[in-house]
Protein backbone atom coordinates (compact mmCIF):
# COMPACT_ATOMS: atom_id res chain seq x y z
CA MET A 1 140.78 40.29 145.78
CA HIS A 2 143.70 41.48 147.86
CA THR A 3 147.18 40.74 146.60
CA THR A 4 150.22 40.34 148.81
CA LEU A 5 153.82 41.33 148.44
CA PRO A 6 156.25 38.58 147.36
CA ALA A 7 157.82 36.54 150.13
CA LEU A 8 161.14 37.98 151.27
CA SER A 9 162.67 34.71 152.41
CA ASP A 10 166.14 35.74 151.18
CA ARG A 11 166.14 38.99 153.15
CA PRO A 12 168.22 38.83 156.36
CA PRO A 13 166.15 38.98 159.54
CA ALA A 14 165.82 42.31 161.29
CA ARG A 15 168.41 42.94 163.96
CA ASP A 16 167.02 41.84 167.31
CA GLY A 17 165.85 44.87 169.21
CA ASP A 18 164.85 47.00 166.22
CA GLU A 19 161.35 45.52 166.09
CA LEU A 20 159.58 48.66 167.26
CA PHE A 21 161.18 50.68 164.47
CA GLN A 22 160.84 48.29 161.53
CA PRO A 23 158.72 49.28 158.51
CA LEU A 24 155.07 48.37 158.82
CA GLU A 25 154.12 44.86 157.74
CA THR A 26 151.93 44.28 154.67
CA ALA A 27 148.77 43.95 156.75
CA ASP A 28 149.58 47.16 158.62
CA LEU A 29 150.13 49.06 155.36
CA ARG A 30 146.83 47.78 153.96
CA ALA A 31 145.00 48.76 157.16
CA PHE A 32 146.60 52.23 157.02
CA TRP A 33 145.46 52.92 153.46
CA ASP A 34 142.01 51.39 154.04
CA LYS A 35 141.57 53.69 157.03
CA ALA A 36 142.79 56.71 155.07
CA ALA A 37 140.38 55.95 152.24
CA SER A 38 137.53 55.48 154.68
CA GLU A 39 138.24 58.83 156.37
CA ALA A 40 138.36 60.53 152.99
CA ARG A 41 134.97 59.08 152.07
CA LEU A 42 133.49 60.45 155.31
CA GLN A 43 134.21 63.94 154.03
CA GLN A 44 132.15 63.33 150.89
CA LYS A 45 128.40 63.45 150.55
CA PRO A 46 126.62 60.40 149.11
CA SER A 47 126.20 60.67 145.37
CA ASP A 48 122.78 61.65 144.04
CA GLY A 49 122.72 58.43 142.02
CA SER A 50 122.52 56.34 145.18
CA SER A 51 119.45 58.14 146.55
CA ALA A 52 117.10 56.25 144.24
CA GLU A 53 118.72 52.93 145.17
CA ILE A 54 118.39 53.69 148.88
CA ALA A 55 114.73 54.54 148.34
CA SER A 56 114.24 51.27 146.46
CA LEU A 57 115.87 49.30 149.28
CA SER A 58 113.62 51.00 151.82
CA GLU A 59 110.59 50.11 149.70
CA LEU A 60 111.70 46.46 149.52
CA VAL A 61 111.98 46.35 153.31
CA SER A 62 108.47 47.80 153.62
CA ILE A 63 107.13 45.15 151.22
CA ILE A 64 108.80 42.37 153.23
CA VAL A 65 107.37 43.70 156.49
CA ASP A 66 103.88 43.89 154.95
CA LYS A 67 104.02 40.55 153.12
CA CYS A 68 105.15 38.70 156.25
CA HIS A 69 101.63 39.02 157.59
CA HIS A 70 100.37 37.05 154.58
CA LYS A 71 102.99 34.27 154.77
CA GLY A 72 103.99 34.39 151.10
CA ALA A 73 107.28 32.51 151.58
CA VAL A 74 108.30 32.16 147.92
CA GLU A 75 107.59 35.77 147.05
CA LEU A 76 109.29 36.96 150.23
CA GLY A 77 112.40 35.01 149.28
CA GLN A 78 112.49 36.62 145.86
CA ILE A 79 112.14 40.09 147.36
CA ALA A 80 114.87 39.36 149.93
CA GLN A 81 117.21 38.21 147.15
CA LYS A 82 116.46 41.37 145.17
CA PHE A 83 117.27 43.39 148.28
CA CYS A 84 120.66 41.66 148.70
CA ASP A 85 121.56 42.11 145.04
CA LEU A 86 120.70 45.80 145.11
CA TYR A 87 122.50 46.42 148.43
CA GLU A 88 125.73 44.94 147.08
CA THR A 89 125.77 47.50 144.26
CA LEU A 90 125.99 50.38 146.73
CA ASP A 91 129.25 52.07 147.62
CA SER A 92 130.41 52.43 151.23
CA ASP A 93 128.79 55.83 151.83
CA ALA A 94 125.44 54.74 150.44
CA ARG A 95 125.50 51.60 152.58
CA THR A 96 126.20 53.68 155.66
CA GLU A 97 123.31 55.98 154.81
CA PHE A 98 120.94 53.07 154.22
CA LEU A 99 121.90 51.22 157.41
CA ALA A 100 121.25 54.40 159.39
CA LEU A 101 117.84 54.67 157.73
CA LEU A 102 117.08 51.00 158.41
CA SER A 103 118.05 51.28 162.08
CA ARG A 104 115.78 54.29 162.63
CA ASN A 105 112.79 53.83 160.33
CA PHE A 106 112.32 50.13 160.99
CA CYS A 107 113.27 49.88 164.65
CA LEU A 108 109.72 50.21 165.97
CA PRO A 109 107.97 47.07 167.23
CA LYS A 110 105.34 45.39 165.12
CA GLY A 111 102.53 46.86 167.19
CA GLY A 112 100.04 45.81 169.82
CA ALA A 113 102.65 45.87 172.59
CA GLU A 114 100.42 47.67 175.11
CA SER A 115 97.56 45.22 174.58
CA ALA A 116 99.91 42.22 174.74
CA ALA A 117 101.55 43.54 177.91
CA GLN A 118 98.20 44.04 179.62
CA SER A 119 97.07 40.56 178.61
CA TYR A 120 100.24 39.08 180.03
CA LEU A 121 99.91 40.97 183.34
CA ASP A 122 96.22 39.98 183.66
CA GLY A 123 97.02 36.37 182.86
CA VAL A 124 99.81 36.13 185.43
CA ALA A 125 97.63 37.77 188.09
CA GLN A 126 94.50 35.73 187.44
CA SER A 127 95.66 32.34 186.23
CA LYS A 128 98.06 29.62 187.33
CA ASP A 129 98.02 28.04 183.88
CA PHE A 130 101.73 28.26 183.11
CA ALA A 131 101.30 27.07 179.51
CA HIS A 132 98.75 29.81 178.80
CA ASN A 133 100.93 32.44 180.48
CA ALA A 134 103.92 31.28 178.42
CA LEU A 135 101.83 31.81 175.28
CA LEU A 136 100.96 35.33 176.43
CA ALA A 137 104.66 36.02 177.09
CA HIS A 138 105.51 34.81 173.59
CA ARG A 139 102.92 37.18 172.09
CA LEU A 140 104.33 40.06 174.13
CA ARG A 141 107.88 39.29 173.00
CA ASP A 142 106.72 39.09 169.38
CA SER A 143 104.91 42.43 169.65
CA LEU A 144 108.17 44.06 170.80
CA THR A 145 110.27 42.63 167.95
CA PRO A 146 111.54 45.41 165.62
CA LEU A 147 110.32 45.54 162.03
CA TYR A 148 113.75 44.85 160.52
CA ALA A 149 113.60 41.37 162.09
CA ASP A 150 111.45 40.25 159.14
CA LEU A 151 114.15 41.41 156.71
CA PHE A 152 116.89 39.51 158.54
CA ASP A 153 114.74 36.37 158.88
CA ASN A 154 114.01 36.23 155.17
CA ILE A 155 117.60 36.90 154.14
CA ASN A 156 118.78 34.08 156.42
CA ARG A 157 116.62 31.63 154.44
CA LEU A 158 118.49 32.41 151.21
CA PRO A 159 121.31 30.04 150.09
CA GLU A 160 124.05 32.58 150.94
CA GLY A 161 121.93 34.59 153.35
CA PHE A 162 123.77 33.82 156.57
CA ALA A 163 127.10 34.95 155.13
CA PHE A 164 125.44 38.12 153.81
CA LEU A 165 124.14 38.95 157.30
CA VAL A 166 127.55 38.35 158.88
CA HIS A 167 129.09 40.86 156.47
CA LEU A 168 126.18 43.23 157.08
CA ARG A 169 126.90 43.23 160.80
CA THR A 170 130.59 43.82 160.06
CA GLU A 171 129.58 47.05 158.35
CA MET A 172 127.37 48.00 161.31
CA LEU A 173 130.30 47.50 163.69
CA ALA A 174 132.52 49.67 161.47
CA ILE A 175 129.96 52.47 161.74
CA LEU A 176 129.75 52.02 165.52
CA ALA A 177 133.55 52.29 165.79
CA ARG A 178 133.35 55.94 164.79
CA PRO A 179 133.46 58.62 167.51
CA GLN A 180 129.82 59.66 167.24
CA LYS A 181 127.38 57.44 169.14
CA ASP A 182 124.44 55.84 167.35
CA SER A 183 122.08 54.10 169.75
CA ALA A 184 119.72 52.96 167.00
CA MET A 185 122.58 51.32 165.09
CA GLN A 186 123.85 49.72 168.31
CA ALA A 187 120.41 48.27 168.99
CA MET A 188 120.17 46.85 165.46
CA SER A 189 123.68 45.36 165.67
CA ASP A 190 122.91 43.72 169.01
CA PHE A 191 119.62 42.35 167.70
CA LEU A 192 121.31 40.85 164.63
CA MET A 193 124.06 39.40 166.85
CA ARG A 194 121.44 37.53 168.90
CA ARG A 195 119.75 36.31 165.74
CA LEU A 196 123.05 35.01 164.32
CA GLN A 197 123.79 33.25 167.60
CA THR A 198 120.43 31.48 167.40
CA TRP A 199 120.63 30.57 163.73
CA ILE A 200 124.16 29.19 163.93
CA VAL A 201 123.22 26.31 166.24
CA GLY A 202 123.29 23.01 164.34
CA THR A 203 124.45 24.56 161.06
CA LEU A 204 128.24 24.33 161.41
CA ASP A 205 130.64 21.79 159.93
CA LEU A 206 134.22 21.41 161.14
CA LYS A 207 136.74 21.16 158.31
CA ARG A 208 140.49 21.00 158.10
CA ILE A 209 141.89 23.67 155.78
CA THR A 210 144.92 22.58 153.75
CA TRP A 211 147.02 23.99 150.92
CA ASN A 212 144.74 22.03 148.57
CA SER A 213 141.61 23.81 149.81
CA PRO A 214 139.94 26.27 147.40
CA ALA A 215 141.97 29.41 146.82
CA CYS A 216 139.05 31.58 147.95
CA THR A 217 139.06 29.76 151.31
CA ILE A 218 142.82 30.21 151.77
CA GLU A 219 142.49 33.89 150.89
CA LYS A 220 139.97 34.29 153.73
CA LEU A 221 142.63 33.05 156.17
CA GLU A 222 144.74 36.07 155.25
CA GLN A 223 141.76 38.43 155.31
CA TYR A 224 140.37 37.37 158.70
CA GLU A 225 143.59 36.55 160.60
CA SER A 226 143.57 38.92 163.57
CA VAL A 227 146.45 37.74 165.79
CA HIS A 228 149.57 37.10 163.68
CA ALA A 229 149.39 38.88 160.34
CA VAL A 230 149.92 36.78 157.22
CA ARG A 231 152.83 38.17 155.21
CA SER A 232 152.50 36.22 151.98
CA TRP A 233 151.01 33.14 150.37
CA MET A 234 154.22 31.27 151.19
CA ASP A 235 153.64 32.20 154.81
CA ILE A 236 150.19 30.58 154.63
CA LYS A 237 151.68 27.52 152.92
CA ARG A 238 154.18 27.14 155.76
CA ARG A 239 151.39 27.44 158.34
CA LEU A 240 149.47 24.69 156.52
CA GLY A 241 152.49 22.41 156.04
CA ASN A 242 153.72 19.33 157.89
CA GLY A 243 153.54 19.68 161.65
CA ARG A 244 150.83 22.31 161.31
CA ARG A 245 147.04 22.26 161.17
CA CYS A 246 144.25 24.73 160.51
CA PHE A 247 140.62 23.95 161.33
CA GLY A 248 137.55 26.07 160.72
CA PHE A 249 133.82 26.10 161.25
CA PHE A 250 131.86 26.52 158.01
CA HIS A 251 128.17 27.33 157.72
CA ARG A 252 126.33 24.83 155.55
CA ASN A 253 125.10 27.64 153.31
CA ALA A 254 128.62 29.11 152.90
CA LEU A 255 130.93 26.15 152.46
CA LYS A 256 134.02 28.04 151.22
CA GLU A 257 134.20 30.82 153.83
CA PRO A 258 135.30 29.93 157.39
CA LEU A 259 133.33 31.72 160.09
CA ILE A 260 136.07 31.04 162.65
CA PHE A 261 139.37 29.15 162.40
CA VAL A 262 142.26 28.11 164.61
CA TRP A 263 145.94 27.52 163.75
CA VAL A 264 147.64 24.57 165.45
CA ALA A 265 151.33 23.64 165.73
CA LEU A 266 152.35 20.06 166.53
CA THR A 267 155.47 20.17 168.71
CA GLU A 268 157.54 18.06 171.09
CA GLN A 269 157.44 20.64 173.89
CA ILE A 270 155.26 23.58 174.90
CA PRO A 271 156.91 26.59 173.15
CA ASP A 272 157.56 29.89 174.87
CA ASN A 273 157.65 32.10 171.78
CA VAL A 274 155.65 32.38 168.59
CA GLN A 275 158.66 33.09 166.36
CA SER A 276 159.68 29.44 166.62
CA ILE A 277 156.30 28.52 165.14
CA LEU A 278 155.87 31.19 162.49
CA GLN A 279 159.44 31.13 161.16
CA GLU A 280 160.21 27.41 161.36
CA ARG A 281 160.62 25.64 158.04
CA GLU A 282 158.31 22.78 157.14
CA GLN A 283 159.01 19.62 159.13
CA PRO A 284 159.38 16.09 157.78
CA LYS A 285 155.96 14.43 157.80
CA ALA A 286 157.31 11.59 159.95
CA ASN A 287 157.74 14.04 162.86
CA GLU A 288 153.98 14.49 163.18
CA ALA A 289 153.53 11.01 164.58
CA ASN A 290 155.94 11.84 167.43
CA ALA A 291 154.30 15.10 168.44
CA LYS A 292 153.64 15.44 172.16
CA CYS A 293 151.89 18.82 172.17
CA ALA A 294 149.18 20.52 170.14
CA ILE A 295 149.62 24.28 170.40
CA PHE A 296 146.73 26.61 169.55
CA TYR A 297 148.61 29.77 168.63
CA SER A 298 145.93 31.84 166.91
CA ILE A 299 142.15 31.84 166.71
CA SER A 300 140.24 34.34 164.57
CA SER A 301 136.64 34.85 163.51
CA GLN A 302 134.82 37.13 161.14
CA VAL A 303 134.23 40.57 162.63
CA GLY A 304 130.49 40.25 162.06
CA LEU A 305 130.40 37.39 164.55
CA SER A 306 131.83 39.50 167.37
CA ARG A 307 130.33 38.36 170.73
CA VAL A 308 128.98 35.17 169.14
CA ASP A 309 130.75 32.48 171.16
CA LEU A 310 132.15 29.91 168.73
CA GLY A 311 135.75 29.60 169.94
CA ASN A 312 134.84 27.36 172.87
CA PHE A 313 133.12 24.81 170.64
CA LEU A 314 135.85 25.00 167.99
CA ILE A 315 138.70 24.23 170.40
CA LYS A 316 136.86 21.29 171.95
CA ARG A 317 136.02 19.82 168.54
CA VAL A 318 139.62 20.21 167.35
CA VAL A 319 140.95 18.54 170.50
CA SER A 320 138.69 15.57 169.80
CA VAL A 321 139.90 15.32 166.19
CA LEU A 322 143.59 15.58 167.11
CA ARG A 323 143.33 13.00 169.90
CA SER A 324 141.91 10.54 167.39
CA GLU A 325 144.39 11.40 164.62
CA ILE A 326 147.59 11.61 166.71
CA PRO A 327 147.35 9.49 169.91
CA SER A 328 150.87 10.52 171.00
CA ILE A 329 149.69 14.06 171.89
CA GLU A 330 149.76 14.51 175.66
CA ALA A 331 149.21 18.27 176.07
CA PHE A 332 146.75 20.66 174.47
CA CYS A 333 148.02 24.15 175.12
CA THR A 334 147.82 27.68 173.76
CA LEU A 335 150.44 30.30 173.01
CA SER A 336 148.33 33.38 173.61
CA PRO A 337 148.80 37.15 173.33
CA MET A 338 148.15 39.61 176.16
CA PRO A 339 146.68 42.43 174.05
CA ARG A 340 145.88 44.92 176.83
CA PHE A 341 148.88 44.42 179.09
CA ARG A 342 150.77 47.50 177.86
CA SER A 343 147.76 49.79 178.23
CA TRP A 344 147.23 48.50 181.79
CA LEU A 345 150.93 49.00 182.57
CA ASP A 346 150.85 52.58 181.28
CA LYS A 347 148.00 53.31 183.71
CA LEU A 348 149.93 51.64 186.54
CA LEU A 349 153.05 53.75 185.98
CA THR A 350 151.41 56.99 187.10
CA PHE A 351 153.25 59.85 188.77
CA GLU A 352 152.24 58.55 192.19
CA HIS A 353 153.60 55.06 191.54
CA LEU A 354 156.78 56.43 189.97
CA GLN A 355 157.62 57.90 193.37
CA LEU A 356 156.14 55.10 195.49
CA PRO A 357 155.81 51.70 193.75
CA PRO A 358 152.66 49.66 194.49
CA LYS A 359 153.16 47.47 197.53
CA ASP A 360 151.15 44.49 196.26
CA ILE A 361 153.65 43.76 193.46
CA GLU A 362 156.53 41.91 195.08
CA LEU A 363 160.04 41.98 193.64
CA THR A 364 163.34 40.91 195.19
CA GLU A 365 165.88 43.54 196.17
CA ALA A 366 168.31 42.16 193.59
CA GLU A 367 165.71 42.51 190.80
CA ILE A 368 164.94 46.08 191.84
CA GLN A 369 168.61 47.09 191.97
CA ALA A 370 169.36 45.45 188.62
CA LEU A 371 166.61 47.46 186.93
CA VAL A 372 167.28 50.78 188.69
CA SER A 373 170.99 50.56 187.82
CA ARG A 374 170.12 50.65 184.10
CA VAL A 375 168.74 54.22 184.40
CA PRO A 376 171.06 56.85 185.94
CA GLY A 377 169.15 59.00 188.39
CA ALA A 378 166.26 56.58 188.85
CA THR A 379 165.31 55.90 192.46
CA THR A 380 162.43 53.43 192.01
CA TRP A 381 161.90 50.40 189.80
CA THR A 382 158.70 51.94 188.42
CA ALA A 383 160.54 55.07 187.25
CA ALA A 384 163.33 52.97 185.73
CA LEU A 385 160.86 50.69 183.92
CA LYS A 386 158.87 53.60 182.50
CA HIS A 387 162.07 55.26 181.24
CA LEU A 388 163.28 52.07 179.55
CA ILE A 389 160.04 51.09 177.80
CA GLU A 390 159.62 54.64 176.47
CA SER A 391 163.22 54.87 175.23
CA ARG A 392 164.27 54.11 171.68
CA GLY A 393 165.90 50.74 171.05
CA TRP A 394 165.56 49.22 174.53
CA THR A 395 165.17 45.80 172.92
CA SER A 396 168.66 46.10 171.38
CA ASP A 397 170.44 46.16 174.73
CA GLN A 398 170.84 42.71 176.26
CA ALA A 399 171.59 44.18 179.69
CA ASN A 400 168.26 46.04 179.57
CA ILE A 401 166.47 42.90 178.48
CA ASP A 402 167.97 40.84 181.30
CA ALA A 403 167.15 43.46 183.94
CA MET A 404 163.59 43.90 182.73
CA GLU A 405 162.69 40.21 182.42
CA PRO A 406 161.88 39.32 186.07
CA VAL A 407 160.06 42.60 186.62
CA VAL A 408 157.92 42.42 183.48
CA ARG A 409 157.14 38.73 183.94
CA THR A 410 156.02 39.41 187.52
CA LEU A 411 153.85 42.27 186.28
CA GLY A 412 152.44 40.01 183.56
CA ALA A 413 151.52 37.30 186.06
CA TYR A 414 149.96 39.93 188.35
CA TYR A 415 147.94 41.36 185.45
CA LEU A 416 146.54 37.97 184.46
CA LEU A 417 145.79 36.72 187.96
CA LYS A 418 144.79 39.80 189.93
CA VAL A 419 143.43 42.48 187.59
CA LYS A 420 139.68 42.18 187.11
CA ARG A 421 137.21 43.87 184.80
CA GLY A 422 135.74 46.12 187.49
CA ASN A 423 132.22 46.73 188.79
CA GLY A 424 132.60 43.79 191.15
CA SER A 425 133.34 41.31 188.36
CA ASN A 426 135.43 38.21 189.05
CA SER A 427 136.43 37.93 185.40
CA ALA A 428 140.01 38.58 184.29
CA ALA A 429 140.52 41.97 182.68
CA ASP A 430 142.48 40.45 179.80
CA PRO A 431 139.96 39.34 177.12
CA VAL A 432 142.08 36.42 175.89
CA ALA A 433 142.60 35.19 179.45
CA ASN A 434 138.88 35.46 180.14
CA PHE A 435 138.10 33.44 176.99
CA HIS A 436 140.41 30.53 177.78
CA LEU A 437 139.68 30.48 181.52
CA ARG A 438 135.93 30.38 180.86
CA ASN A 439 136.62 27.46 178.53
CA GLY A 440 138.21 25.55 181.43
CA SER A 441 141.93 25.97 180.80
CA CYS A 442 144.54 26.73 183.44
CA LEU A 443 147.31 29.31 183.37
CA TYR A 444 150.62 27.55 182.71
CA ARG A 445 153.38 30.09 182.05
CA VAL A 446 154.11 33.75 181.29
CA ASN A 447 156.69 34.00 178.48
CA TRP A 448 159.25 36.79 178.17
CA ARG A 449 159.90 37.83 174.55
CA GLY A 450 157.16 35.51 173.40
CA ASP A 451 156.27 37.80 170.50
CA THR A 452 158.98 40.25 169.38
CA SER A 453 157.05 41.52 166.37
CA TYR A 454 156.13 45.21 166.19
CA ARG A 455 152.59 44.40 167.27
CA GLY A 456 153.65 42.10 170.10
CA LEU A 457 156.05 44.68 171.58
CA ARG A 458 153.53 47.48 171.23
CA GLN A 459 150.72 45.54 172.93
CA SER A 460 152.51 43.62 175.66
CA LEU A 461 156.29 44.36 175.58
CA GLY A 462 156.54 40.96 173.88
CA LEU A 463 154.87 38.96 176.66
CA MET A 464 152.79 35.91 175.78
CA CYS A 465 151.37 33.16 177.96
CA ASN A 466 150.37 29.50 177.79
CA TYR A 467 146.98 28.18 178.82
CA ASN A 468 146.87 24.43 179.34
CA TYR A 469 143.72 22.43 178.62
CA VAL A 470 143.95 19.53 181.09
CA LEU A 471 141.14 17.43 179.68
CA ASP A 472 139.86 15.79 182.86
CA ARG A 473 139.72 19.15 184.68
CA ILE A 474 138.11 21.38 182.06
CA GLU A 475 134.57 21.31 183.44
CA ASP A 476 135.64 21.93 187.05
CA ASN A 477 137.98 24.74 186.04
CA SER A 478 135.26 26.43 184.00
CA GLU A 479 132.65 26.18 186.77
CA ASN A 480 135.03 27.52 189.43
CA TYR A 481 136.11 30.43 187.25
CA VAL A 482 132.59 31.46 186.22
CA ALA A 483 131.15 31.11 189.73
CA LYS A 484 134.04 32.39 191.86
CA GLY A 485 136.64 33.86 189.53
CA THR A 486 139.09 31.14 190.57
CA ILE A 487 141.99 30.85 188.12
CA ALA A 488 143.47 27.37 187.95
CA THR A 489 147.21 26.90 187.47
CA THR A 490 149.40 23.86 186.84
CA GLU A 491 152.11 22.42 189.04
CA SER A 492 153.93 20.61 186.25
CA GLY A 493 156.59 23.04 184.98
CA PHE A 494 155.06 25.71 187.18
CA ASP A 495 156.08 29.29 186.45
CA PRO A 496 157.92 30.87 189.43
CA TYR A 497 156.51 34.30 188.58
CA ILE A 498 152.95 32.98 188.70
CA GLU A 499 153.80 31.28 192.00
CA ARG A 500 155.20 34.55 193.34
CA VAL A 501 151.94 36.39 192.65
CA LEU A 502 149.90 33.57 194.17
CA SER A 503 152.20 33.05 197.15
CA SER A 504 149.79 34.64 199.64
CA SER A 505 147.09 32.14 198.70
CA PHE A 506 149.25 29.44 197.11
CA SER A 507 147.92 26.66 199.33
CA LYS A 508 144.36 27.44 198.21
CA ARG A 509 144.85 27.47 194.46
CA PRO A 510 143.48 24.52 192.41
CA LYS A 511 146.14 21.86 191.99
CA LEU A 512 146.07 19.85 188.78
């Protein structure tokens, strides 16, 4: 069990502008040492004591694969449980070695694929009996299923089996994150991902997580939070207090461990920065009844469920619950990060563009002069911006901040609206934008200094944005985005920087 440092509520806040040079947060320190320990383990060879255990695990998999042909469900369950118990005794290196063995030695199909393929081709060519041909297709698909499918299927039937498989895939993804490529491991991870996506249907319960929830559940919020790091247990208590909500999906065979969860703030207005949410003291309970907005400011899932789409269903279920609980809520909106904005900007500010700024990013002459004047010797706004964002302490100078705001907000709006994933895709390059736009939201506002934490400044120069879920337009927005790449925006409180980017096609944008 991870422990956290005591809350430092009596410590004065860091001076505004020093965020990039503050000490690492607790979560960052833990990640640093975990990574260091992992790299050290990579230099070590697996201990001889684990070889016998790995051999035993391999034998158990072979037994499961063989027994599956005889349909011995009870015995298969016992063997699968023995496998899980033995696997959990292994250290990290031994698990890595075993997963590599599993991905290679049990990746072959069950057999008979050539015969099944020929039968399918003959059936399609000779018969118009669609039901019979569908049966032949099913047999062909089954003959191509890898052997380790039987292992995963039997583990999933165990009481805690689904959670075990989610953690197993987390370990696979950690292996795949290493520099060396492993196609067999990638194939096994993708196969398990598809299995998890199938098994999860109809097995989830939505629950509100409160300070009175089991301690092991609350601890998972700290462990799995991937957007705004949890600093202490008091931080969690504040996030679960009055005017705040946390909802999660729980698998019916793992009732204390959220698979995915979302943090919600109940506010009177749509906020433009996350500090006002994370640092605000607990509100009087009476204020909840007067809330006008429900703000989704963080959504996180277990790493093992990467690419398993649960966020869409979670947000829609939470909206339904909040509408019933608090009828005064008029707006359901996000306060979202822009995690790849800075990396895109660094690629934009190339040597060519430092001399000749891109013509499709429109700025006023006053905005250009204000920025250029902050850097002696600069002749273009691109050169001035690059110099400022790479200089130490730029966030401490209010004149720099004021000069950069219109330029960076315009760039942020351009990035969200115009930059696509490539290869002819209509999808937004930003993964968070793509998620919410596919869900049917509309882009509402780009926020300057929305997240002034170390992470927020490093990823996006502090930019955040709001996506508004206009309930009677969600389906249309989603269909238009998926089919045409059309990004809906709102007129109410419309952001002038978004309007600037859309000005050439402003009359054609969806009006809500």
